[in-house]
Each structure stands twice: as structure tokens, then as C-alpha cells.
Amino acid sequence: MVEYALNFDIVFKSLGDPTRRDILQRLTRGELTVGAIAERYSISLAAISKHLSIMQRARLVTKRRQGNEQVVSLNPTTLATTTEYLRNYQVYWEETLASLDQYLEQDPK
């Protein structure tokens, strides 16, 4: 269980940054080179590389070399695992809110 908690810590830390979330969103449309990713942002290539490194450690993305370029891909397995983890909390809140609705709809007599 500790191993998963550490992985989720890294994943959530990675997702906590708006630039990284934007990069993930862009990768949902397909693979991109590091250069293509960097073009969109007004930060250095080194800063983009650092963002990608954090995302790679979180296993949100993978990188592979293709000729002179590095190609970045989304890793859907990590997102699916994280979604499943969060789904447990969704069930809890849905049940809690349903109970609250039921309580509030009761006749106050």
C-alpha cells in the first residue's frame, strides 16, 4: 500500500502544476516532440524538460528517441489507475450527498 501512496503522491504533485496539466491535455491528441511541446510556452527548453522529467517520474508520460528528437507520449495506464483510486471517493461523496438530500427532504414536523 505504501508503494501506491508514493506513486499517487508523485502523480498528484505532477498534476498540481497548470503547465503540466496543459501538456497532458495536448498529449491526449497524440505524441509530440519535446521541441513541439516547448514551442507553446514562454519558458525555456530546460524548464520544459524539467516538467517532462517530473511527469516521467510520475509515469504520466513516456519519452523515446526518434532520430535526433525525443518523442513524448501519454501513459494512459497511470491515468486509469489514478481515476480508479479517485472513483472510490466519488462513491463516498455521492452516498453522503444522497443521504443529505434525503434528510433535507424529510418533513420537519
N, C-alpha and C. Protein backbone atom coordinates (compact mmCIF):
# COMPACT_ATOMS: atom_id res chain seq x y z
N MET A 1 0.82 -1.19 0.00
CA MET A 1 0.00 0.00 0.00
C MET A 1 0.87 1.26 0.00
N VAL A 2 1.98 1.25 0.67
CA VAL A 2 2.86 2.41 0.72
C VAL A 2 3.37 2.74 -0.66
N GLU A 3 3.70 1.71 -1.45
CA GLU A 3 4.21 1.94 -2.80
C GLU A 3 3.19 2.73 -3.63
N TYR A 4 1.90 2.34 -3.54
CA TYR A 4 0.87 3.06 -4.28
C TYR A 4 0.72 4.49 -3.78
N ALA A 5 0.77 4.68 -2.45
CA ALA A 5 0.65 6.02 -1.89
C ALA A 5 1.77 6.92 -2.42
N LEU A 6 2.97 6.39 -2.48
CA LEU A 6 4.08 7.18 -3.01
C LEU A 6 3.86 7.52 -4.48
N ASN A 7 3.38 6.56 -5.25
CA ASN A 7 3.10 6.83 -6.66
C ASN A 7 2.01 7.88 -6.81
N PHE A 8 0.96 7.78 -6.01
CA PHE A 8 -0.10 8.78 -6.09
C PHE A 8 0.40 10.14 -5.64
N ASP A 9 1.28 10.18 -4.67
CA ASP A 9 1.86 11.46 -4.25
C ASP A 9 2.57 12.13 -5.43
N ILE A 10 3.34 11.36 -6.15
CA ILE A 10 4.08 11.89 -7.30
C ILE A 10 3.10 12.31 -8.41
N VAL A 11 2.10 11.49 -8.64
CA VAL A 11 1.11 11.80 -9.68
C VAL A 11 0.38 13.09 -9.34
N PHE A 12 -0.11 13.21 -8.12
CA PHE A 12 -0.86 14.40 -7.75
C PHE A 12 0.03 15.64 -7.71
N LYS A 13 1.28 15.48 -7.31
CA LYS A 13 2.21 16.61 -7.36
C LYS A 13 2.39 17.04 -8.81
N SER A 14 2.54 16.09 -9.69
CA SER A 14 2.72 16.40 -11.10
C SER A 14 1.48 17.10 -11.66
N LEU A 15 0.31 16.62 -11.30
CA LEU A 15 -0.94 17.20 -11.80
C LEU A 15 -1.25 18.55 -11.16
N GLY A 16 -0.55 18.89 -10.09
CA GLY A 16 -0.79 20.14 -9.39
C GLY A 16 -0.28 21.37 -10.13
N ASP A 17 0.46 21.18 -11.19
CA ASP A 17 1.03 22.30 -11.92
C ASP A 17 0.24 22.55 -13.21
N PRO A 18 -0.19 23.79 -13.46
CA PRO A 18 -1.00 24.06 -14.65
C PRO A 18 -0.27 23.80 -15.97
N THR A 19 1.02 24.04 -16.02
CA THR A 19 1.76 23.77 -17.26
C THR A 19 1.76 22.28 -17.55
N ARG A 20 1.98 21.46 -16.53
CA ARG A 20 1.99 20.01 -16.74
C ARG A 20 0.61 19.50 -17.12
N ARG A 21 -0.44 20.07 -16.51
CA ARG A 21 -1.80 19.66 -16.90
C ARG A 21 -2.06 20.03 -18.36
N ASP A 22 -1.58 21.18 -18.79
CA ASP A 22 -1.76 21.59 -20.17
C ASP A 22 -1.00 20.68 -21.12
N ILE A 23 0.20 20.31 -20.74
CA ILE A 23 0.99 19.38 -21.56
C ILE A 23 0.24 18.05 -21.69
N LEU A 24 -0.30 17.54 -20.59
CA LEU A 24 -1.07 16.29 -20.65
C LEU A 24 -2.26 16.43 -21.58
N GLN A 25 -2.95 17.55 -21.48
CA GLN A 25 -4.11 17.77 -22.35
C GLN A 25 -3.69 17.74 -23.81
N ARG A 26 -2.59 18.36 -24.13
CA ARG A 26 -2.10 18.37 -25.51
C ARG A 26 -1.71 16.96 -25.97
N LEU A 27 -1.17 16.17 -25.05
CA LEU A 27 -0.75 14.80 -25.41
C LEU A 27 -1.93 13.86 -25.62
N THR A 28 -3.12 14.25 -25.18
CA THR A 28 -4.29 13.40 -25.43
C THR A 28 -4.61 13.34 -26.92
N ARG A 29 -4.10 14.31 -27.68
CA ARG A 29 -4.34 14.34 -29.12
C ARG A 29 -3.26 13.59 -29.89
N GLY A 30 -2.22 13.13 -29.20
CA GLY A 30 -1.17 12.36 -29.87
C GLY A 30 0.21 12.73 -29.38
N GLU A 31 1.18 11.96 -29.83
CA GLU A 31 2.57 12.18 -29.46
C GLU A 31 3.07 13.54 -29.95
N LEU A 32 4.00 14.10 -29.17
CA LEU A 32 4.64 15.37 -29.55
C LEU A 32 6.12 15.28 -29.26
N THR A 33 6.91 15.98 -30.04
CA THR A 33 8.33 16.07 -29.72
C THR A 33 8.50 17.09 -28.59
N VAL A 34 9.62 16.99 -27.89
CA VAL A 34 9.91 17.95 -26.82
C VAL A 34 9.91 19.36 -27.39
N GLY A 35 10.48 19.53 -28.58
CA GLY A 35 10.52 20.84 -29.22
C GLY A 35 9.13 21.39 -29.50
N ALA A 36 8.24 20.53 -29.99
CA ALA A 36 6.86 20.95 -30.27
C ALA A 36 6.13 21.35 -28.99
N ILE A 37 6.41 20.64 -27.92
CA ILE A 37 5.80 20.99 -26.63
C ILE A 37 6.32 22.35 -26.18
N ALA A 38 7.62 22.55 -26.28
CA ALA A 38 8.25 23.78 -25.80
C ALA A 38 7.79 25.01 -26.57
N GLU A 39 7.45 24.86 -27.85
CA GLU A 39 7.04 26.00 -28.68
C GLU A 39 5.84 26.74 -28.10
N ARG A 40 4.99 26.03 -27.42
CA ARG A 40 3.72 26.60 -26.92
C ARG A 40 3.90 27.49 -25.71
N TYR A 41 5.02 27.37 -25.03
CA TYR A 41 5.19 28.03 -23.73
C TYR A 41 6.29 29.09 -23.80
N SER A 42 6.15 30.10 -22.99
CA SER A 42 7.15 31.17 -22.94
C SER A 42 8.15 30.91 -21.81
N ILE A 43 8.54 29.65 -21.69
CA ILE A 43 9.58 29.26 -20.73
C ILE A 43 10.68 28.53 -21.48
N SER A 44 11.80 28.36 -20.84
CA SER A 44 12.96 27.77 -21.51
C SER A 44 12.75 26.29 -21.81
N LEU A 45 13.53 25.79 -22.74
CA LEU A 45 13.53 24.36 -23.05
C LEU A 45 13.94 23.55 -21.82
N ALA A 46 14.85 24.10 -21.03
CA ALA A 46 15.28 23.42 -19.80
C ALA A 46 14.11 23.28 -18.83
N ALA A 47 13.28 24.32 -18.73
CA ALA A 47 12.12 24.26 -17.84
C ALA A 47 11.11 23.23 -18.32
N ILE A 48 10.90 23.17 -19.64
CA ILE A 48 10.00 22.14 -20.20
C ILE A 48 10.57 20.76 -19.91
N SER A 49 11.86 20.59 -20.08
CA SER A 49 12.50 19.29 -19.80
C SER A 49 12.30 18.90 -18.35
N LYS A 50 12.37 19.87 -17.44
CA LYS A 50 12.15 19.58 -16.02
C LYS A 50 10.70 19.15 -15.78
N HIS A 51 9.76 19.85 -16.40
CA HIS A 51 8.35 19.44 -16.28
C HIS A 51 8.16 18.01 -16.80
N LEU A 52 8.74 17.72 -17.94
CA LEU A 52 8.61 16.38 -18.52
C LEU A 52 9.27 15.32 -17.65
N SER A 53 10.37 15.67 -17.03
CA SER A 53 11.05 14.74 -16.13
C SER A 53 10.16 14.39 -14.93
N ILE A 54 9.52 15.40 -14.38
CA ILE A 54 8.60 15.16 -13.25
C ILE A 54 7.44 14.28 -13.70
N MET A 55 6.91 14.56 -14.88
CA MET A 55 5.80 13.77 -15.40
C MET A 55 6.23 12.34 -15.72
N GLN A 56 7.47 12.18 -16.14
CA GLN A 56 8.00 10.85 -16.42
C GLN A 56 8.15 10.06 -15.12
N ARG A 57 8.66 10.70 -14.06
CA ARG A 57 8.78 10.03 -12.77
C ARG A 57 7.42 9.60 -12.24
N ALA A 58 6.40 10.41 -12.52
CA ALA A 58 5.04 10.07 -12.10
C ALA A 58 4.41 9.03 -13.03
N ARG A 59 5.11 8.69 -14.07
CA ARG A 59 4.66 7.72 -15.08
C ARG A 59 3.42 8.21 -15.82
N LEU A 60 3.27 9.52 -15.92
CA LEU A 60 2.18 10.08 -16.71
C LEU A 60 2.53 10.13 -18.19
N VAL A 61 3.82 10.22 -18.49
CA VAL A 61 4.28 10.26 -19.87
C VAL A 61 5.47 9.33 -20.04
N THR A 62 5.73 8.99 -21.29
CA THR A 62 6.95 8.25 -21.64
C THR A 62 7.66 9.03 -22.73
N LYS A 63 8.97 8.89 -22.77
CA LYS A 63 9.78 9.53 -23.81
C LYS A 63 10.57 8.46 -24.54
N ARG A 64 10.71 8.65 -25.84
CA ARG A 64 11.55 7.76 -26.64
C ARG A 64 12.28 8.61 -27.67
N ARG A 65 13.42 8.14 -28.05
CA ARG A 65 14.21 8.85 -29.05
C ARG A 65 13.81 8.38 -30.44
N GLN A 66 13.61 9.36 -31.32
CA GLN A 66 13.30 9.07 -32.72
C GLN A 66 14.22 9.97 -33.54
N GLY A 67 15.30 9.38 -34.01
CA GLY A 67 16.30 10.17 -34.71
C GLY A 67 16.96 11.15 -33.75
N ASN A 68 16.94 12.42 -34.10
CA ASN A 68 17.53 13.45 -33.24
C ASN A 68 16.57 14.01 -32.21
N GLU A 69 15.32 13.59 -32.26
CA GLU A 69 14.29 14.16 -31.39
C GLU A 69 13.83 13.18 -30.33
N GLN A 70 13.31 13.74 -29.25
CA GLN A 70 12.66 12.93 -28.23
C GLN A 70 11.16 13.11 -28.38
N VAL A 71 10.46 11.99 -28.45
CA VAL A 71 9.01 11.99 -28.64
C VAL A 71 8.36 11.63 -27.31
N VAL A 72 7.37 12.43 -26.93
CA VAL A 72 6.67 12.25 -25.66
C VAL A 72 5.28 11.71 -25.93
N SER A 73 4.89 10.70 -25.15
CA SER A 73 3.56 10.08 -25.27
C SER A 73 2.89 10.06 -23.91
N LEU A 74 1.59 10.11 -23.93
CA LEU A 74 0.78 9.97 -22.73
C LEU A 74 0.80 8.52 -22.29
N ASN A 75 0.86 8.27 -20.98
CA ASN A 75 0.78 6.92 -20.45
C ASN A 75 -0.61 6.74 -19.85
N PRO A 76 -1.55 6.16 -20.60
CA PRO A 76 -2.93 6.07 -20.11
C PRO A 76 -3.10 5.15 -18.91
N THR A 77 -2.18 4.22 -18.68
CA THR A 77 -2.30 3.29 -17.56
C THR A 77 -2.29 4.03 -16.23
N THR A 78 -1.37 4.99 -16.08
CA THR A 78 -1.29 5.74 -14.83
C THR A 78 -2.56 6.56 -14.62
N LEU A 79 -3.06 7.17 -15.68
CA LEU A 79 -4.29 7.95 -15.55
C LEU A 79 -5.47 7.05 -15.19
N ALA A 80 -5.54 5.88 -15.76
CA ALA A 80 -6.63 4.95 -15.45
C ALA A 80 -6.55 4.49 -13.99
N THR A 81 -5.36 4.20 -13.51
CA THR A 81 -5.18 3.78 -12.12
C THR A 81 -5.56 4.90 -11.16
N THR A 82 -5.16 6.12 -11.49
CA THR A 82 -5.48 7.27 -10.65
C THR A 82 -6.98 7.54 -10.65
N THR A 83 -7.61 7.40 -11.81
CA THR A 83 -9.06 7.59 -11.91
C THR A 83 -9.79 6.57 -11.04
N GLU A 84 -9.34 5.34 -11.08
CA GLU A 84 -9.96 4.29 -10.26
C GLU A 84 -9.80 4.60 -8.77
N TYR A 85 -8.64 5.07 -8.39
CA TYR A 85 -8.39 5.46 -7.00
C TYR A 85 -9.38 6.57 -6.57
N LEU A 86 -9.54 7.56 -7.41
CA LEU A 86 -10.44 8.67 -7.10
C LEU A 86 -11.91 8.27 -7.14
N ARG A 87 -12.23 7.27 -7.95
CA ARG A 87 -13.61 6.81 -8.05
C ARG A 87 -14.13 6.33 -6.69
N ASN A 88 -13.27 5.77 -5.87
CA ASN A 88 -13.68 5.35 -4.52
C ASN A 88 -14.20 6.54 -3.72
N TYR A 89 -13.57 7.67 -3.85
CA TYR A 89 -14.01 8.87 -3.15
C TYR A 89 -15.28 9.43 -3.77
N GLN A 90 -15.44 9.28 -5.06
CA GLN A 90 -16.65 9.74 -5.73
C GLN A 90 -17.86 8.98 -5.18
N VAL A 91 -17.73 7.67 -5.02
CA VAL A 91 -18.81 6.86 -4.48
C VAL A 91 -19.15 7.34 -3.06
N TYR A 92 -18.14 7.59 -2.27
CA TYR A 92 -18.36 8.06 -0.90
C TYR A 92 -19.15 9.37 -0.90
N TRP A 93 -18.72 10.34 -1.70
CA TRP A 93 -19.39 11.64 -1.71
C TRP A 93 -20.79 11.56 -2.30
N GLU A 94 -20.99 10.73 -3.28
CA GLU A 94 -22.33 10.57 -3.85
C GLU A 94 -23.28 10.00 -2.80
N GLU A 95 -22.81 9.00 -2.04
CA GLU A 95 -23.64 8.41 -0.98
C GLU A 95 -23.90 9.43 0.12
N THR A 96 -22.89 10.18 0.49
CA THR A 96 -23.04 11.19 1.54
C THR A 96 -24.02 12.28 1.12
N LEU A 97 -23.88 12.77 -0.10
CA LEU A 97 -24.79 13.81 -0.58
C LEU A 97 -26.21 13.29 -0.76
N ALA A 98 -26.36 12.04 -1.15
CA ALA A 98 -27.69 11.44 -1.28
C ALA A 98 -28.36 11.37 0.09
N SER A 99 -27.59 11.01 1.12
CA SER A 99 -28.12 10.97 2.48
C SER A 99 -28.53 12.36 2.94
N LEU A 100 -27.73 13.35 2.62
CA LEU A 100 -28.04 14.73 2.98
C LEU A 100 -29.31 15.19 2.27
N ASP A 101 -29.43 14.89 0.99
CA ASP A 101 -30.64 15.24 0.24
C ASP A 101 -31.87 14.61 0.89
N GLN A 102 -31.74 13.34 1.23
CA GLN A 102 -32.85 12.61 1.84
C GLN A 102 -33.22 13.25 3.18
N TYR A 103 -32.25 13.62 3.96
CA TYR A 103 -32.50 14.26 5.26
C TYR A 103 -33.20 15.61 5.06
N LEU A 104 -32.74 16.39 4.11
CA LEU A 104 -33.30 17.72 3.88
C LEU A 104 -34.72 17.67 3.31
N GLU A 105 -35.05 16.60 2.61
CA GLU A 105 -36.38 16.47 2.03
C GLU A 105 -37.42 15.96 3.03
N GLN A 106 -36.97 15.49 4.19
CA GLN A 106 -37.89 14.99 5.21
C GLN A 106 -38.75 16.14 5.73
N ASP A 107 -39.98 15.79 6.10
CA ASP A 107 -40.89 16.78 6.67
C ASP A 107 -40.39 17.21 8.04
N PRO A 108 -40.19 18.51 8.28
CA PRO A 108 -39.60 18.98 9.55
C PRO A 108 -40.55 18.93 10.74
N LYS A 109 -41.71 18.34 10.62
CA LYS A 109 -42.69 18.31 11.73
C LYS A 109 -42.20 17.54 12.88
